[in-house]
Every structure is written in structure tokens, then in C-alpha cells.
């Protein structure tokens, strides 16, 4: 769910609902807030394969491979 919220740029409220007749509401709220904070996805400003668009350095590649 958090991936979809991030994918579509959602910047509104996220609410967690739980059903427990025993748990105190303040404990549930604190746990829910922490759960949400732990799962919010910080969206990257770069595409996954951005490294591939940097060009190539033939001399550096040969040096890395020991072909100089």
C-alpha cells in the first residue's frame, strides 16, 4: 500500500485502523503512528538504472579489467 501511495505522489493523511478491545487507545495510536512513520517511502529523484546513462570511459574500464 505504501508503495502505491508513493508511486502516485500521495501527500495526504495516512490512517491506520486496528481492532483490539483490550489495547488502550493511546497505546494503539502511538504504535500506529510509529508503524506509519517506519513505512513511509522516500521517493528517489533518479531512475533505477540512472547509472547507465553516465557514459563510458573505455580507458578506465580497461584499467579495471587489467587490459591496459
PDB file of N, CA and C in Angstrom:
ATOM      1  N   UNK A   1       0.816  -1.186   0.000  1.00  0.00           N
ATOM      2  CA  UNK A   1       0.000   0.000   0.000  1.00  0.00           C
ATOM      3  C   UNK A   1       0.863   1.254   0.000  1.00  0.00           C
ATOM      4  N   UNK A   2       1.910   1.258   0.810  1.00  0.00           N
ATOM      5  CA  UNK A   2       2.774   2.431   0.875  1.00  0.00           C
ATOM      6  C   UNK A   2       3.497   2.662  -0.455  1.00  0.00           C
ATOM      7  N   UNK A   3       3.806   1.589  -1.166  1.00  0.00           N
ATOM      8  CA  UNK A   3       4.430   1.729  -2.485  1.00  0.00           C
ATOM      9  C   UNK A   3       3.493   2.444  -3.449  1.00  0.00           C
ATOM     10  N   UNK A   4       2.235   2.098  -3.426  1.00  0.00           N
ATOM     11  CA  UNK A   4       1.259   2.741  -4.315  1.00  0.00           C
ATOM     12  C   UNK A   4       1.072   4.208  -3.943  1.00  0.00           C
ATOM     13  N   UNK A   5       1.025   4.509  -2.649  1.00  0.00           N
ATOM     14  CA  UNK A   5       0.903   5.900  -2.238  1.00  0.00           C
ATOM     15  C   UNK A   5       2.086   6.707  -2.749  1.00  0.00           C
ATOM     16  N   UNK A   6       3.286   6.147  -2.648  1.00  0.00           N
ATOM     17  CA  UNK A   6       4.487   6.825  -3.129  1.00  0.00           C
ATOM     18  C   UNK A   6       4.475   6.936  -4.650  1.00  0.00           C
ATOM     19  N   UNK A   7       4.075   5.862  -5.323  1.00  0.00           N
ATOM     20  CA  UNK A   7       4.063   5.840  -6.789  1.00  0.00           C
ATOM     21  C   UNK A   7       3.207   6.960  -7.365  1.00  0.00           C
ATOM     22  N   UNK A   8       2.088   7.239  -6.733  1.00  0.00           N
ATOM     23  CA  UNK A   8       1.164   8.248  -7.245  1.00  0.00           C
ATOM     24  C   UNK A   8       1.343   9.612  -6.597  1.00  0.00           C
ATOM     25  N   UNK A   9       2.407   9.782  -5.810  1.00  0.00           N
ATOM     26  CA  UNK A   9       2.710  11.078  -5.228  1.00  0.00           C
ATOM     27  C   UNK A   9       1.732  11.550  -4.172  1.00  0.00           C
ATOM     28  N   UNK A  10       1.099  10.614  -3.478  1.00  0.00           N
ATOM     29  CA  UNK A  10       0.127  10.971  -2.454  1.00  0.00           C
ATOM     30  C   UNK A  10       0.811  11.706  -1.315  1.00  0.00           C
ATOM     31  N   UNK A  11       0.296  12.860  -0.931  1.00  0.00           N
ATOM     32  CA  UNK A  11       0.904  13.600   0.175  1.00  0.00           C
ATOM     33  C   UNK A  11      -0.117  13.969   1.247  1.00  0.00           C
ATOM     34  N   UNK A  12      -1.164  13.183   1.344  1.00  0.00           N
ATOM     35  CA  UNK A  12      -2.201  13.431   2.344  1.00  0.00           C
ATOM     36  C   UNK A  12      -1.993  12.590   3.588  1.00  0.00           C
ATOM     37  N   UNK A  13      -3.039  12.484   4.354  1.00  0.00           N
ATOM     38  CA  UNK A  13      -3.014  11.733   5.602  1.00  0.00           C
ATOM     39  C   UNK A  13      -3.047  10.230   5.350  1.00  0.00           C
ATOM     40  N   UNK A  14      -2.362   9.487   6.189  1.00  0.00           N
ATOM     41  CA  UNK A  14      -2.442   8.028   6.202  1.00  0.00           C
ATOM     42  C   UNK A  14      -2.991   7.645   7.581  1.00  0.00           C
ATOM     43  N   UNK A  15      -3.987   6.793   7.592  1.00  0.00           N
ATOM     44  CA  UNK A  15      -4.625   6.401   8.843  1.00  0.00           C
ATOM     45  C   UNK A  15      -4.551   4.889   8.992  1.00  0.00           C
ATOM     46  N   UNK A  16      -4.183   4.446  10.173  1.00  0.00           N
ATOM     47  CA  UNK A  16      -4.137   3.023  10.489  1.00  0.00           C
ATOM     48  C   UNK A  16      -5.298   2.720  11.425  1.00  0.00           C
ATOM     49  N   UNK A  17      -6.060   1.736  11.077  1.00  0.00           N
ATOM     50  CA  UNK A  17      -7.175   1.330  11.929  1.00  0.00           C
ATOM     51  C   UNK A  17      -6.888  -0.056  12.482  1.00  0.00           C
ATOM     52  N   UNK A  18      -7.078  -0.215  13.780  1.00  0.00           N
ATOM     53  CA  UNK A  18      -6.904  -1.528  14.379  1.00  0.00           C
ATOM     54  C   UNK A  18      -8.130  -1.838  15.224  1.00  0.00           C
ATOM     55  N   UNK A  19      -8.330  -3.110  15.433  1.00  0.00           N
ATOM     56  CA  UNK A  19      -9.460  -3.553  16.240  1.00  0.00           C
ATOM     57  C   UNK A  19      -8.901  -4.416  17.369  1.00  0.00           C
ATOM     58  N   UNK A  20      -8.923  -3.876  18.565  1.00  0.00           N
ATOM     59  CA  UNK A  20      -8.488  -4.623  19.733  1.00  0.00           C
ATOM     60  C   UNK A  20      -9.255  -4.074  20.923  1.00  0.00           C
ATOM     61  N   UNK A  21     -10.071  -4.892  21.499  1.00  0.00           N
ATOM     62  CA  UNK A  21     -10.903  -4.431  22.614  1.00  0.00           C
ATOM     63  C   UNK A  21     -10.114  -4.333  23.914  1.00  0.00           C
ATOM     64  N   UNK A  22      -8.886  -4.805  23.920  1.00  0.00           N
ATOM     65  CA  UNK A  22      -8.088  -4.797  25.147  1.00  0.00           C
ATOM     66  C   UNK A  22      -7.075  -3.656  25.194  1.00  0.00           C
ATOM     67  N   UNK A  23      -6.565  -3.252  24.035  1.00  0.00           N
ATOM     68  CA  UNK A  23      -5.477  -2.276  23.990  1.00  0.00           C
ATOM     69  C   UNK A  23      -6.001  -0.864  24.247  1.00  0.00           C
ATOM     70  N   UNK A  24      -5.289  -0.128  25.071  1.00  0.00           N
ATOM     71  CA  UNK A  24      -5.635   1.262  25.357  1.00  0.00           C
ATOM     72  C   UNK A  24      -5.466   2.082  24.082  1.00  0.00           C
ATOM     73  N   UNK A  25      -6.368   3.007  23.863  1.00  0.00           N
ATOM     74  CA  UNK A  25      -6.365   3.776  22.620  1.00  0.00           C
ATOM     75  C   UNK A  25      -5.086   4.601  22.433  1.00  0.00           C
ATOM     76  N   UNK A  26      -4.489   5.092  23.514  1.00  0.00           N
ATOM     77  CA  UNK A  26      -3.250   5.861  23.373  1.00  0.00           C
ATOM     78  C   UNK A  26      -2.081   4.976  22.952  1.00  0.00           C
ATOM     79  N   UNK A  27      -2.050   3.755  23.458  1.00  0.00           N
ATOM     80  CA  UNK A  27      -1.000   2.824  23.046  1.00  0.00           C
ATOM     81  C   UNK A  27      -1.177   2.474  21.578  1.00  0.00           C
ATOM     82  N   UNK A  28      -2.411   2.204  21.177  1.00  0.00           N
ATOM     83  CA  UNK A  28      -2.685   1.885  19.778  1.00  0.00           C
ATOM     84  C   UNK A  28      -2.334   3.032  18.847  1.00  0.00           C
ATOM     85  N   UNK A  29      -2.639   4.255  19.265  1.00  0.00           N
ATOM     86  CA  UNK A  29      -2.316   5.428  18.452  1.00  0.00           C
ATOM     87  C   UNK A  29      -0.807   5.602  18.322  1.00  0.00           C
ATOM     88  N   UNK A  30      -0.084   5.422  19.422  1.00  0.00           N
ATOM     89  CA  UNK A  30       1.373   5.552  19.388  1.00  0.00           C
ATOM     90  C   UNK A  30       1.997   4.483  18.496  1.00  0.00           C
ATOM     91  N   UNK A  31       1.534   3.251  18.610  1.00  0.00           N
ATOM     92  CA  UNK A  31       2.052   2.162  17.777  1.00  0.00           C
ATOM     93  C   UNK A  31       1.702   2.389  16.314  1.00  0.00           C
ATOM     94  N   UNK A  32       0.480   2.842  16.047  1.00  0.00           N
ATOM     95  CA  UNK A  32       0.063   3.097  14.674  1.00  0.00           C
ATOM     96  C   UNK A  32       0.860   4.215  14.032  1.00  0.00           C
ATOM     97  N   UNK A  33       1.101   5.293  14.784  1.00  0.00           N
ATOM     98  CA  UNK A  33       1.891   6.408  14.255  1.00  0.00           C
ATOM     99  C   UNK A  33       3.312   5.961  13.934  1.00  0.00           C
ATOM    100  N   UNK A  34       3.899   5.153  14.812  1.00  0.00           N
ATOM    101  CA  UNK A  34       5.260   4.657  14.565  1.00  0.00           C
ATOM    102  C   UNK A  34       5.300   3.726  13.356  1.00  0.00           C
ATOM    103  N   UNK A  35       4.282   2.865  13.227  1.00  0.00           N
ATOM    104  CA  UNK A  35       4.214   1.953  12.088  1.00  0.00           C
ATOM    105  C   UNK A  35       4.169   2.742  10.779  1.00  0.00           C
ATOM    106  N   UNK A  36       3.329   3.751  10.739  1.00  0.00           N
ATOM    107  CA  UNK A  36       3.216   4.564   9.527  1.00  0.00           C
ATOM    108  C   UNK A  36       4.536   5.272   9.241  1.00  0.00           C
ATOM    109  N   UNK A  37       5.137   5.881  10.261  1.00  0.00           N
ATOM    110  CA  UNK A  37       6.411   6.582  10.077  1.00  0.00           C
ATOM    111  C   UNK A  37       7.499   5.643   9.563  1.00  0.00           C
ATOM    112  N   UNK A  38       7.502   4.404  10.036  1.00  0.00           N
ATOM    113  CA  UNK A  38       8.515   3.428   9.626  1.00  0.00           C
ATOM    114  C   UNK A  38       8.320   2.932   8.195  1.00  0.00           C
ATOM    115  N   UNK A  39       7.124   3.108   7.642  1.00  0.00           N
ATOM    116  CA  UNK A  39       6.834   2.546   6.330  1.00  0.00           C
ATOM    117  C   UNK A  39       6.644   3.571   5.218  1.00  0.00           C
ATOM    118  N   UNK A  40       6.711   4.854   5.539  1.00  0.00           N
ATOM    119  CA  UNK A  40       6.620   5.882   4.509  1.00  0.00           C
ATOM    120  C   UNK A  40       7.841   5.736   3.601  1.00  0.00           C
ATOM    121  N   UNK A  41       7.626   5.786   2.313  1.00  0.00           N
ATOM    122  CA  UNK A  41       8.695   5.590   1.339  1.00  0.00           C
ATOM    123  C   UNK A  41       9.171   6.942   0.820  1.00  0.00           C
ATOM    124  N   UNK A  42      10.451   7.201   0.979  1.00  0.00           N
ATOM    125  CA  UNK A  42      11.061   8.402   0.408  1.00  0.00           C
ATOM    126  C   UNK A  42      11.364   8.096  -1.060  1.00  0.00           C
ATOM    127  N   UNK A  43      10.715   8.813  -1.942  1.00  0.00           N
ATOM    128  CA  UNK A  43      10.832   8.538  -3.369  1.00  0.00           C
ATOM    129  C   UNK A  43      12.133   9.132  -3.898  1.00  0.00           C
ATOM    130  N   UNK A  44      12.852   8.350  -4.672  1.00  0.00           N
ATOM    131  CA  UNK A  44      14.113   8.791  -5.257  1.00  0.00           C
ATOM    132  C   UNK A  44      13.875   9.793  -6.377  1.00  0.00           C
ATOM    133  N   UNK A  45      14.850  10.631  -6.604  1.00  0.00           N
ATOM    134  CA  UNK A  45      14.779  11.611  -7.683  1.00  0.00           C
ATOM    135  C   UNK A  45      15.429  11.073  -8.955  1.00  0.00           C
ATOM    136  N   UNK A  46      15.976   9.875  -8.883  1.00  0.00           N
ATOM    137  CA  UNK A  46      16.656   9.265 -10.032  1.00  0.00           C
ATOM    138  C   UNK A  46      15.945   7.978 -10.412  1.00  0.00           C
ATOM    139  N   UNK A  47      16.061   7.608 -11.667  1.00  0.00           N
ATOM    140  CA  UNK A  47      15.501   6.338 -12.092  1.00  0.00           C
ATOM    141  C   UNK A  47      16.437   5.218 -11.665  1.00  0.00           C
ATOM    142  N   UNK A  48      15.908   4.003 -11.588  1.00  0.00           N
ATOM    143  CA  UNK A  48      16.653   2.858 -11.077  1.00  0.00           C
ATOM    144  C   UNK A  48      17.980   2.653 -11.815  1.00  0.00           C
ATOM    145  N   UNK A  49      17.962   2.749 -13.139  1.00  0.00           N
ATOM    146  CA  UNK A  49      19.164   2.468 -13.926  1.00  0.00           C
ATOM    147  C   UNK A  49      19.862   3.745 -14.380  1.00  0.00           C
ATOM    148  N   UNK A  50      19.793   4.792 -13.566  1.00  0.00           N
ATOM    149  CA  UNK A  50      20.391   6.070 -13.915  1.00  0.00           C
ATOM    150  C   UNK A  50      21.896   5.952 -14.145  1.00  0.00           C
ATOM    151  N   UNK A  51      22.535   5.026 -13.436  1.00  0.00           N
ATOM    152  CA  UNK A  51      23.973   4.846 -13.593  1.00  0.00           C
ATOM    153  C   UNK A  51      24.355   4.522 -15.038  1.00  0.00           C
ATOM    154  N   UNK A  52      23.448   3.915 -15.787  1.00  0.00           N
ATOM    155  CA  UNK A  52      23.750   3.508 -17.158  1.00  0.00           C
ATOM    156  C   UNK A  52      23.829   4.702 -18.105  1.00  0.00           C
ATOM    157  N   UNK A  53      23.275   5.834 -17.729  1.00  0.00           N
ATOM    158  CA  UNK A  53      23.267   6.999 -18.594  1.00  0.00           C
ATOM    159  C   UNK A  53      24.461   7.910 -18.401  1.00  0.00           C
ATOM    160  N   UNK A  54      25.470   7.480 -17.665  1.00  0.00           N
ATOM    161  CA  UNK A  54      26.605   8.351 -17.371  1.00  0.00           C
ATOM    162  C   UNK A  54      27.681   8.302 -18.448  1.00  0.00           C
ATOM    163  N   UNK A  55      27.520   7.462 -19.433  1.00  0.00           N
ATOM    164  CA  UNK A  55      28.547   7.332 -20.457  1.00  0.00           C
ATOM    165  C   UNK A  55      29.567   6.281 -20.063  1.00  0.00           C
ATOM    166  N   UNK A  56      30.541   6.087 -20.920  1.00  0.00           N
ATOM    167  CA  UNK A  56      31.569   5.088 -20.629  1.00  0.00           C
ATOM    168  C   UNK A  56      32.949   5.713 -20.738  1.00  0.00           C
ATOM    169  N   UNK A  57      33.848   5.194 -19.974  1.00  0.00           N
ATOM    170  CA  UNK A  57      35.247   5.607 -20.010  1.00  0.00           C
ATOM    171  C   UNK A  57      36.040   4.356 -20.373  1.00  0.00           C
ATOM    172  N   UNK A  58      36.334   4.218 -21.649  1.00  0.00           N
ATOM    173  CA  UNK A  58      36.979   2.998 -22.160  1.00  0.00           C
ATOM    174  C   UNK A  58      38.315   2.746 -21.455  1.00  0.00           C
ATOM    175  N   UNK A  59      39.092   3.789 -21.232  1.00  0.00           N
ATOM    176  CA  UNK A  59      40.398   3.619 -20.564  1.00  0.00           C
ATOM    177  C   UNK A  59      40.213   3.125 -19.137  1.00  0.00           C
ATOM    178  N   UNK A  60      39.253   3.685 -18.429  1.00  0.00           N
ATOM    179  CA  UNK A  60      39.014   3.261 -17.047  1.00  0.00           C
ATOM    180  C   UNK A  60      38.518   1.816 -17.012  1.00  0.00           C
ATOM    181  N   UNK A  61      37.647   1.451 -17.928  1.00  0.00           N
ATOM    182  CA  UNK A  61      37.151   0.072 -17.979  1.00  0.00           C
ATOM    183  C   UNK A  61      38.289  -0.907 -18.262  1.00  0.00           C
ATOM    184  N   UNK A  62      39.175  -0.559 -19.178  1.00  0.00           N
ATOM    185  CA  UNK A  62      40.308  -1.440 -19.459  1.00  0.00           C
ATOM    186  C   UNK A  62      41.233  -1.548 -18.254  1.00  0.00           C
ATOM    187  N   UNK A  63      41.428  -0.448 -17.543  1.00  0.00           N
ATOM    188  CA  UNK A  63      42.293  -0.476 -16.366  1.00  0.00           C
ATOM    189  C   UNK A  63      41.688  -1.358 -15.273  1.00  0.00           C
ATOM    190  N   UNK A  64      40.376  -1.250 -15.076  1.00  0.00           N
ATOM    191  CA  UNK A  64      39.692  -2.075 -14.077  1.00  0.00           C
ATOM    192  C   UNK A  64      39.829  -3.550 -14.405  1.00  0.00           C
ATOM    193  N   UNK A  65      39.760  -3.871 -15.696  1.00  0.00           N
ATOM    194  CA  UNK A  65      39.844  -5.264 -16.139  1.00  0.00           C
ATOM    195  C   UNK A  65      41.279  -5.734 -16.320  1.00  0.00           C
ATOM    196  N   UNK A  66      42.241  -4.827 -16.095  1.00  0.00           N
ATOM    197  CA  UNK A  66      43.647  -5.201 -16.244  1.00  0.00           C
ATOM    198  C   UNK A  66      44.060  -5.365 -17.705  1.00  0.00           C
ATOM    199  N   UNK A  67      43.441  -4.642 -18.602  1.00  0.00           N
ATOM    200  CA  UNK A  67      43.715  -4.771 -20.030  1.00  0.00           C
ATOM    201  C   UNK A  67      44.536  -3.605 -20.582  1.00  0.00           C
ATOM    202  N   UNK A  68      45.151  -2.817 -19.732  1.00  0.00           N
ATOM    203  CA  UNK A  68      45.906  -1.648 -20.221  1.00  0.00           C
ATOM    204  C   UNK A  68      47.291  -2.010 -20.637  1.00  0.00           C
TER     205      UNK A  68
END
